[in-house]
Amino acid sequence: MDKTSTNSGVLVVLDYGARVPLHRQIEASIRDSIRAGRLPRGSSLPSSRVLAADLGVSRGVVVEAYQQLTAEGYLASRGGGYTQVAAGPSPATAGLLHLARPVPPRIDLSYGRADVSSFPRASWLRAIRGALASAPNDLFGYLAGRGVPQLRTAIADYLNRVRGTVAQPDQVVICTGYAQGIALLVGVLAAAGARRLALEDPSSGDDALPAARSTGTASGSTCCGPAAPTPWC
């Protein structure tokens, strides 16, 4: 029994072996998604041409399904050829964001908080666009775990030029973030025979400490700072 589903941003499953017409199946899939809340009111649906190409059916089949759902009040056509969900509950995204983002303090002295207001968004966006425009297709596949060679070369050149190092691209490992970098470093130290780790105080307890515990080195770790070293256990 042949089946197909869409990747156009809305779940539509077609069973070509069923006796139900294809446009009825499309109607049922979209209607069920609206009733279940997977497509909240105001959501935009793909154009009939895009959805038809994704499903491998004629555009008229999708148009007929959209027209029926519009007649039932589930969908509404907007200017410019856009089709949106007109029924069901409203999305609660705004309320969730309000609950998840309380009013920040006027002065934030929390440990490990970067000043994100000074992030160079315009420059970053220009760099991303330039890199995407010139990047070969193979860079978007699965590469070596150490990172893209071009990026490791650029970082090594920067470190040598600005930090006075003598780094080679093969000595650079690209991490997903600080936590992964610390976990890799702790693992390398433990594999080299380290049994006691020292960390600065204050120090975030959600990255280095779990990594040290997983390698069996946390019991002998100490926090180094203004206060006397305190063993971690």
C-alpha atoms as a PDB file:
ATOM      1  CA  MET A   1       0.000   0.000   0.000  1.00  0.00           C
ATOM      2  CA  ASP A   2       1.704   3.182  -1.206  1.00  0.00           C
ATOM      3  CA  LYS A   3       1.707   6.123   1.169  1.00  0.00           C
ATOM      4  CA  THR A   4       3.254   9.551   1.010  1.00  0.00           C
ATOM      5  CA  SER A   5       3.534  12.484   3.379  1.00  0.00           C
ATOM      6  CA  THR A   6       4.525  16.104   2.922  1.00  0.00           C
ATOM      7  CA  ASN A   7       7.463  18.108   4.205  1.00  0.00           C
ATOM      8  CA  SER A   8       5.914  21.477   3.356  1.00  0.00           C
ATOM      9  CA  GLY A   9       5.310  22.462   6.971  1.00  0.00           C
ATOM     10  CA  VAL A  10       1.946  20.718   7.355  1.00  0.00           C
ATOM     11  CA  LEU A  11       1.308  17.026   7.983  1.00  0.00           C
ATOM     12  CA  VAL A  12      -0.602  15.425   5.102  1.00  0.00           C
ATOM     13  CA  VAL A  13      -0.600  11.656   4.628  1.00  0.00           C
ATOM     14  CA  LEU A  14      -1.968  10.117   1.428  1.00  0.00           C
ATOM     15  CA  ASP A  15      -2.843   6.466   0.904  1.00  0.00           C
ATOM     16  CA  TYR A  16      -2.957   5.820  -2.824  1.00  0.00           C
ATOM     17  CA  GLY A  17      -4.393   2.371  -2.234  1.00  0.00           C
ATOM     18  CA  ALA A  18      -7.438   3.656  -0.391  1.00  0.00           C
ATOM     19  CA  ARG A  19     -10.809   4.184  -2.046  1.00  0.00           C
ATOM     20  CA  VAL A  20     -11.055   7.675  -0.545  1.00  0.00           C
ATOM     21  CA  PRO A  21     -10.319  10.398  -3.129  1.00  0.00           C
ATOM     22  CA  LEU A  22      -7.023  12.198  -2.683  1.00  0.00           C
ATOM     23  CA  HIS A  23      -8.581  15.592  -2.071  1.00  0.00           C
ATOM     24  CA  ARG A  24     -10.701  14.085   0.716  1.00  0.00           C
ATOM     25  CA  GLN A  25      -7.577  12.655   2.333  1.00  0.00           C
ATOM     26  CA  ILE A  26      -5.888  16.053   2.194  1.00  0.00           C
ATOM     27  CA  GLU A  27      -8.968  17.651   3.741  1.00  0.00           C
ATOM     28  CA  ALA A  28      -9.042  15.072   6.534  1.00  0.00           C
ATOM     29  CA  SER A  29      -5.347  15.472   7.364  1.00  0.00           C
ATOM     30  CA  ILE A  30      -5.516  19.263   7.578  1.00  0.00           C
ATOM     31  CA  ARG A  31      -8.858  19.200   9.410  1.00  0.00           C
ATOM     32  CA  ASP A  32      -7.508  16.759  11.999  1.00  0.00           C
ATOM     33  CA  SER A  33      -4.402  18.905  12.513  1.00  0.00           C
ATOM     34  CA  ILE A  34      -6.568  21.987  13.109  1.00  0.00           C
ATOM     35  CA  ARG A  35      -8.854  20.186  15.540  1.00  0.00           C
ATOM     36  CA  ALA A  36      -5.889  18.711  17.445  1.00  0.00           C
ATOM     37  CA  GLY A  37      -4.240  22.123  17.779  1.00  0.00           C
ATOM     38  CA  ARG A  38      -1.209  21.228  15.668  1.00  0.00           C
ATOM     39  CA  LEU A  39      -2.221  24.018  13.280  1.00  0.00           C
ATOM     40  CA  PRO A  40      -3.339  26.929  15.486  1.00  0.00           C
ATOM     41  CA  ARG A  41      -5.463  29.751  14.168  1.00  0.00           C
ATOM     42  CA  GLY A  42      -3.450  32.144  12.041  1.00  0.00           C
ATOM     43  CA  SER A  43      -0.977  29.545  10.799  1.00  0.00           C
ATOM     44  CA  SER A  44      -0.043  29.864   7.136  1.00  0.00           C
ATOM     45  CA  LEU A  45      -0.381  26.851   4.864  1.00  0.00           C
ATOM     46  CA  PRO A  46       1.844  26.176   1.855  1.00  0.00           C
ATOM     47  CA  SER A  47       0.513  27.334  -1.485  1.00  0.00           C
ATOM     48  CA  SER A  48      -1.496  24.839  -3.489  1.00  0.00           C
ATOM     49  CA  ARG A  49       1.294  24.610  -6.046  1.00  0.00           C
ATOM     50  CA  VAL A  50       3.976  23.854  -3.426  1.00  0.00           C
ATOM     51  CA  LEU A  51       1.842  21.319  -1.554  1.00  0.00           C
ATOM     52  CA  ALA A  52       0.830  19.592  -4.783  1.00  0.00           C
ATOM     53  CA  ALA A  53       4.450  19.271  -5.898  1.00  0.00           C
ATOM     54  CA  ASP A  54       5.424  17.919  -2.483  1.00  0.00           C
ATOM     55  CA  LEU A  55       2.654  15.317  -2.505  1.00  0.00           C
ATOM     56  CA  GLY A  56       3.075  14.393  -6.137  1.00  0.00           C
ATOM     57  CA  VAL A  57      -0.525  15.237  -7.070  1.00  0.00           C
ATOM     58  CA  SER A  58      -2.083  17.736  -9.437  1.00  0.00           C
ATOM     59  CA  ARG A  59      -2.598  21.274  -8.214  1.00  0.00           C
ATOM     60  CA  GLY A  60      -6.354  20.931  -8.771  1.00  0.00           C
ATOM     61  CA  VAL A  61      -6.546  18.226  -6.087  1.00  0.00           C
ATOM     62  CA  VAL A  62      -5.063  20.561  -3.471  1.00  0.00           C
ATOM     63  CA  VAL A  63      -7.177  23.508  -4.655  1.00  0.00           C
ATOM     64  CA  GLU A  64     -10.323  21.422  -4.259  1.00  0.00           C
ATOM     65  CA  ALA A  65      -9.291  20.422  -0.718  1.00  0.00           C
ATOM     66  CA  TYR A  66      -8.511  24.024   0.233  1.00  0.00           C
ATOM     67  CA  GLN A  67     -11.838  25.223  -1.177  1.00  0.00           C
ATOM     68  CA  GLN A  68     -13.789  22.658   0.810  1.00  0.00           C
ATOM     69  CA  LEU A  69     -11.983  23.520   4.058  1.00  0.00           C
ATOM     70  CA  THR A  70     -12.566  27.205   3.352  1.00  0.00           C
ATOM     71  CA  ALA A  71     -16.280  26.545   2.872  1.00  0.00           C
ATOM     72  CA  GLU A  72     -16.335  24.711   6.203  1.00  0.00           C
ATOM     73  CA  GLY A  73     -14.668  27.674   7.921  1.00  0.00           C
ATOM     74  CA  TYR A  74     -11.372  25.969   8.721  1.00  0.00           C
ATOM     75  CA  LEU A  75      -9.320  28.004   6.235  1.00  0.00           C
ATOM     76  CA  ALA A  76      -9.393  31.542   4.875  1.00  0.00           C
ATOM     77  CA  SER A  77      -7.782  33.008   1.767  1.00  0.00           C
ATOM     78  CA  ARG A  78      -5.683  36.140   2.228  1.00  0.00           C
ATOM     79  CA  GLY A  79      -4.372  38.701  -0.182  1.00  0.00           C
ATOM     80  CA  GLY A  80      -1.451  37.590  -2.289  1.00  0.00           C
ATOM     81  CA  GLY A  81      -2.641  34.001  -2.525  1.00  0.00           C
ATOM     82  CA  TYR A  82      -1.940  33.075   1.102  1.00  0.00           C
ATOM     83  CA  THR A  83      -4.097  30.544   2.911  1.00  0.00           C
ATOM     84  CA  GLN A  84      -4.343  30.610   6.690  1.00  0.00           C
ATOM     85  CA  VAL A  85      -6.072  28.609   9.394  1.00  0.00           C
ATOM     86  CA  ALA A  86      -9.257  30.405  10.432  1.00  0.00           C
ATOM     87  CA  ALA A  87     -10.544  28.059  13.150  1.00  0.00           C
ATOM     88  CA  GLY A  88      -9.300  26.468  16.332  1.00  0.00           C
ATOM     89  CA  PRO A  89      -7.521  27.925  19.361  1.00  0.00           C
ATOM     90  CA  SER A  90      -5.202  30.876  19.057  1.00  0.00           C
ATOM     91  CA  PRO A  91      -1.491  30.178  19.461  1.00  0.00           C
ATOM     92  CA  ALA A  92      -0.291  30.636  23.043  1.00  0.00           C
ATOM     93  CA  THR A  93       3.223  31.562  22.012  1.00  0.00           C
ATOM     94  CA  ALA A  94       2.994  35.116  23.290  1.00  0.00           C
ATOM     95  CA  GLY A  95       1.790  33.979  26.702  1.00  0.00           C
ATOM     96  CA  LEU A  96       4.516  31.347  26.970  1.00  0.00           C
ATOM     97  CA  LEU A  97       7.195  33.874  26.098  1.00  0.00           C
ATOM     98  CA  HIS A  98       5.796  36.249  28.697  1.00  0.00           C
ATOM     99  CA  LEU A  99       5.966  33.558  31.367  1.00  0.00           C
ATOM    100  CA  ALA A 100       9.449  32.433  30.340  1.00  0.00           C
ATOM    101  CA  ARG A 101      10.943  35.942  30.235  1.00  0.00           C
ATOM    102  CA  PRO A 102      10.395  37.817  33.504  1.00  0.00           C
ATOM    103  CA  VAL A 103      11.393  41.434  33.801  1.00  0.00           C
ATOM    104  CA  PRO A 104      15.208  41.465  34.014  1.00  0.00           C
ATOM    105  CA  PRO A 105      16.980  43.408  36.799  1.00  0.00           C
ATOM    106  CA  ARG A 106      18.305  46.854  35.973  1.00  0.00           C
ATOM    107  CA  ILE A 107      21.862  45.716  36.739  1.00  0.00           C
ATOM    108  CA  ASP A 108      22.644  42.017  36.261  1.00  0.00           C
ATOM    109  CA  LEU A 109      25.738  40.789  38.131  1.00  0.00           C
ATOM    110  CA  SER A 110      25.030  37.096  37.588  1.00  0.00           C
ATOM    111  CA  TYR A 111      28.047  34.881  37.023  1.00  0.00           C
ATOM    112  CA  GLY A 112      28.825  33.882  33.449  1.00  0.00           C
ATOM    113  CA  ARG A 113      26.354  36.268  31.787  1.00  0.00           C
ATOM    114  CA  ALA A 114      27.593  37.881  28.583  1.00  0.00           C
ATOM    115  CA  ASP A 115      26.527  41.328  27.392  1.00  0.00           C
ATOM    116  CA  VAL A 116      24.451  40.130  24.448  1.00  0.00           C
ATOM    117  CA  SER A 117      23.314  43.677  23.669  1.00  0.00           C
ATOM    118  CA  SER A 118      26.714  44.368  22.092  1.00  0.00           C
ATOM    119  CA  PHE A 119      26.626  41.298  19.820  1.00  0.00           C
ATOM    120  CA  PRO A 120      27.513  42.400  16.263  1.00  0.00           C
ATOM    121  CA  ARG A 121      24.329  41.150  14.626  1.00  0.00           C
ATOM    122  CA  ALA A 122      24.726  43.020  11.337  1.00  0.00           C
ATOM    123  CA  SER A 123      28.316  41.876  10.851  1.00  0.00           C
ATOM    124  CA  TRP A 124      27.427  38.327  11.851  1.00  0.00           C
ATOM    125  CA  LEU A 125      24.552  38.258   9.368  1.00  0.00           C
ATOM    126  CA  ARG A 126      26.767  39.543   6.555  1.00  0.00           C
ATOM    127  CA  ALA A 127      29.372  36.883   7.340  1.00  0.00           C
ATOM    128  CA  ILE A 128      26.753  34.111   7.370  1.00  0.00           C
ATOM    129  CA  ARG A 129      25.320  35.230   4.047  1.00  0.00           C
ATOM    130  CA  GLY A 130      28.769  35.417   2.478  1.00  0.00           C
ATOM    131  CA  ALA A 131      29.720  31.981   3.769  1.00  0.00           C
ATOM    132  CA  LEU A 132      26.474  30.364   2.619  1.00  0.00           C
ATOM    133  CA  ALA A 133      26.722  31.924  -0.829  1.00  0.00           C
ATOM    134  CA  SER A 134      30.235  30.618  -1.475  1.00  0.00           C
ATOM    135  CA  ALA A 135      30.219  27.331   0.465  1.00  0.00           C
ATOM    136  CA  PRO A 136      30.377  24.140  -1.632  1.00  0.00           C
ATOM    137  CA  ASN A 137      27.573  21.629  -1.252  1.00  0.00           C
ATOM    138  CA  ASP A 138      29.691  19.021   0.537  1.00  0.00           C
ATOM    139  CA  LEU A 139      30.112  21.339   3.542  1.00  0.00           C
ATOM    140  CA  PHE A 140      26.439  20.829   4.388  1.00  0.00           C
ATOM    141  CA  GLY A 141      26.887  17.085   4.920  1.00  0.00           C
ATOM    142  CA  TYR A 142      28.387  15.189   7.844  1.00  0.00           C
ATOM    143  CA  LEU A 143      32.025  16.210   8.233  1.00  0.00           C
ATOM    144  CA  ALA A 144      34.822  15.274  10.609  1.00  0.00           C
ATOM    145  CA  GLY A 145      34.041  15.763  14.279  1.00  0.00           C
ATOM    146  CA  ARG A 146      36.813  18.343  14.673  1.00  0.00           C
ATOM    147  CA  GLY A 147      34.962  20.861  12.504  1.00  0.00           C
ATOM    148  CA  VAL A 148      35.139  22.297   8.994  1.00  0.00           C
ATOM    149  CA  PRO A 149      38.771  22.546   7.847  1.00  0.00           C
ATOM    150  CA  GLN A 150      38.316  26.118   6.596  1.00  0.00           C
ATOM    151  CA  LEU A 151      37.049  27.227   9.995  1.00  0.00           C
ATOM    152  CA  ARG A 152      39.894  25.521  11.851  1.00  0.00           C
ATOM    153  CA  THR A 153      42.386  27.187   9.500  1.00  0.00           C
ATOM    154  CA  ALA A 154      40.836  30.626  10.080  1.00  0.00           C
ATOM    155  CA  ILE A 155      40.914  30.148  13.862  1.00  0.00           C
ATOM    156  CA  ALA A 156      44.525  28.974  13.825  1.00  0.00           C
ATOM    157  CA  ASP A 157      45.520  32.000  11.733  1.00  0.00           C
ATOM    158  CA  TYR A 158      43.715  34.319  14.144  1.00  0.00           C
ATOM    159  CA  LEU A 159      45.349  32.788  17.220  1.00  0.00           C
ATOM    160  CA  ASN A 160      48.785  33.017  15.653  1.00  0.00           C
ATOM    161  CA  ARG A 161      48.265  36.611  14.595  1.00  0.00           C
ATOM    162  CA  VAL A 162      46.514  38.006  17.686  1.00  0.00           C
ATOM    163  CA  ARG A 163      47.558  35.680  20.517  1.00  0.00           C
ATOM    164  CA  GLY A 164      51.107  34.922  19.432  1.00  0.00           C
ATOM    165  CA  THR A 165      50.599  31.163  19.279  1.00  0.00           C
ATOM    166  CA  VAL A 166      52.057  28.691  16.793  1.00  0.00           C
ATOM    167  CA  ALA A 167      48.857  26.758  16.221  1.00  0.00           C
ATOM    168  CA  GLN A 168      48.177  24.442  13.302  1.00  0.00           C
ATOM    169  CA  PRO A 169      44.659  23.748  11.922  1.00  0.00           C
ATOM    170  CA  ASP A 170      45.002  20.097  12.931  1.00  0.00           C
ATOM    171  CA  GLN A 171      45.393  21.229  16.559  1.00  0.00           C
ATOM    172  CA  VAL A 172      42.067  23.111  16.536  1.00  0.00           C
ATOM    173  CA  VAL A 173      38.814  21.385  17.534  1.00  0.00           C
ATOM    174  CA  ILE A 174      35.477  23.130  16.965  1.00  0.00           C
ATOM    175  CA  CYS A 175      32.998  22.646  19.827  1.00  0.00           C
ATOM    176  CA  THR A 176      29.282  23.324  20.017  1.00  0.00           C
ATOM    177  CA  GLY A 177      29.858  25.539  23.040  1.00  0.00           C
ATOM    178  CA  TYR A 178      31.694  26.065  26.312  1.00  0.00           C
ATOM    179  CA  ALA A 179      30.118  23.051  28.018  1.00  0.00           C
ATOM    180  CA  GLN A 180      31.226  20.621  25.329  1.00  0.00           C
ATOM    181  CA  GLY A 181      34.705  22.144  25.253  1.00  0.00           C
ATOM    182  CA  ILE A 182      35.099  21.724  29.018  1.00  0.00           C
ATOM    183  CA  ALA A 183      33.789  18.144  28.841  1.00  0.00           C
ATOM    184  CA  LEU A 184      36.319  17.282  26.124  1.00  0.00           C
ATOM    185  CA  LEU A 185      39.127  18.907  28.077  1.00  0.00           C
ATOM    186  CA  VAL A 186      38.233  17.050  31.273  1.00  0.00           C
ATOM    187  CA  GLY A 187      38.078  13.799  29.342  1.00  0.00           C
ATOM    188  CA  VAL A 188      41.511  14.367  27.807  1.00  0.00           C
ATOM    189  CA  LEU A 189      43.026  15.199  31.201  1.00  0.00           C
ATOM    190  CA  ALA A 190      41.459  12.116  32.782  1.00  0.00           C
ATOM    191  CA  ALA A 191      42.707   9.915  29.946  1.00  0.00           C
ATOM    192  CA  ALA A 192      46.186  11.342  30.472  1.00  0.00           C
ATOM    193  CA  GLY A 193      46.109  10.212  34.106  1.00  0.00           C
ATOM    194  CA  ALA A 194      44.809  13.317  35.922  1.00  0.00           C
ATOM    195  CA  ARG A 195      43.121  12.410  39.200  1.00  0.00           C
ATOM    196  CA  ARG A 196      42.687  15.881  40.718  1.00  0.00           C
ATOM    197  CA  LEU A 197      41.162  18.930  39.002  1.00  0.00           C
ATOM    198  CA  ALA A 198      41.249  22.581  40.095  1.00  0.00           C
ATOM    199  CA  LEU A 199      38.553  25.056  39.049  1.00  0.00           C
ATOM    200  CA  GLU A 200      38.138  28.755  39.640  1.00  0.00           C
ATOM    201  CA  ASP A 201      35.688  30.005  42.234  1.00  0.00           C
ATOM    202  CA  PRO A 202      33.040  31.115  41.387  1.00  0.00           C
ATOM    203  CA  SER A 203      32.531  28.522  38.697  1.00  0.00           C
ATOM    204  CA  SER A 204      29.467  27.224  36.920  1.00  0.00           C
ATOM    205  CA  GLY A 205      28.383  23.925  38.408  1.00  0.00           C
ATOM    206  CA  ASP A 206      26.534  22.630  35.331  1.00  0.00           C
ATOM    207  CA  ASP A 207      29.458  21.885  33.024  1.00  0.00           C
ATOM    208  CA  ALA A 208      32.876  21.110  34.520  1.00  0.00           C
ATOM    209  CA  LEU A 209      31.631  19.343  37.661  1.00  0.00           C
ATOM    210  CA  PRO A 210      29.345  16.848  35.847  1.00  0.00           C
ATOM    211  CA  ALA A 211      32.149  16.146  33.368  1.00  0.00           C
ATOM    212  CA  ALA A 212      34.602  15.537  36.205  1.00  0.00           C
ATOM    213  CA  ARG A 213      32.158  13.235  37.958  1.00  0.00           C
ATOM    214  CA  SER A 214      31.649  11.207  34.791  1.00  0.00           C
ATOM    215  CA  THR A 215      35.404  10.614  34.528  1.00  0.00           C
ATOM    216  CA  GLY A 216      35.881   9.835  38.237  1.00  0.00           C
ATOM    217  CA  THR A 217      37.985  12.936  38.932  1.00  0.00           C
ATOM    218  CA  ALA A 218      35.406  14.980  40.836  1.00  0.00           C
ATOM    219  CA  SER A 219      36.170  13.454  44.228  1.00  0.00           C
ATOM    220  CA  GLY A 220      39.602  15.058  44.224  1.00  0.00           C
ATOM    221  CA  SER A 221      38.654  18.376  42.614  1.00  0.00           C
ATOM    222  CA  THR A 222      39.229  21.667  44.355  1.00  0.00           C
ATOM    223  CA  CYS A 223      37.886  25.155  43.808  1.00  0.00           C
ATOM    224  CA  CYS A 224      40.633  27.755  43.559  1.00  0.00           C
ATOM    225  CA  GLY A 225      39.762  31.361  44.334  1.00  0.00           C
ATOM    226  CA  PRO A 226      39.922  34.026  47.024  1.00  0.00           C
ATOM    227  CA  ALA A 227      38.738  31.519  49.588  1.00  0.00           C
ATOM    228  CA  ALA A 228      40.651  28.473  50.716  1.00  0.00           C
ATOM    229  CA  PRO A 229      40.437  25.490  48.376  1.00  0.00           C
ATOM    230  CA  THR A 230      37.373  23.386  49.074  1.00  0.00           C
ATOM    231  CA  PRO A 231      37.270  19.738  47.969  1.00  0.00           C
ATOM    232  CA  TRP A 232      34.400  18.648  45.762  1.00  0.00           C
ATOM    233  CA  CYS A 233      32.828  15.312  46.488  1.00  0.00           C
END
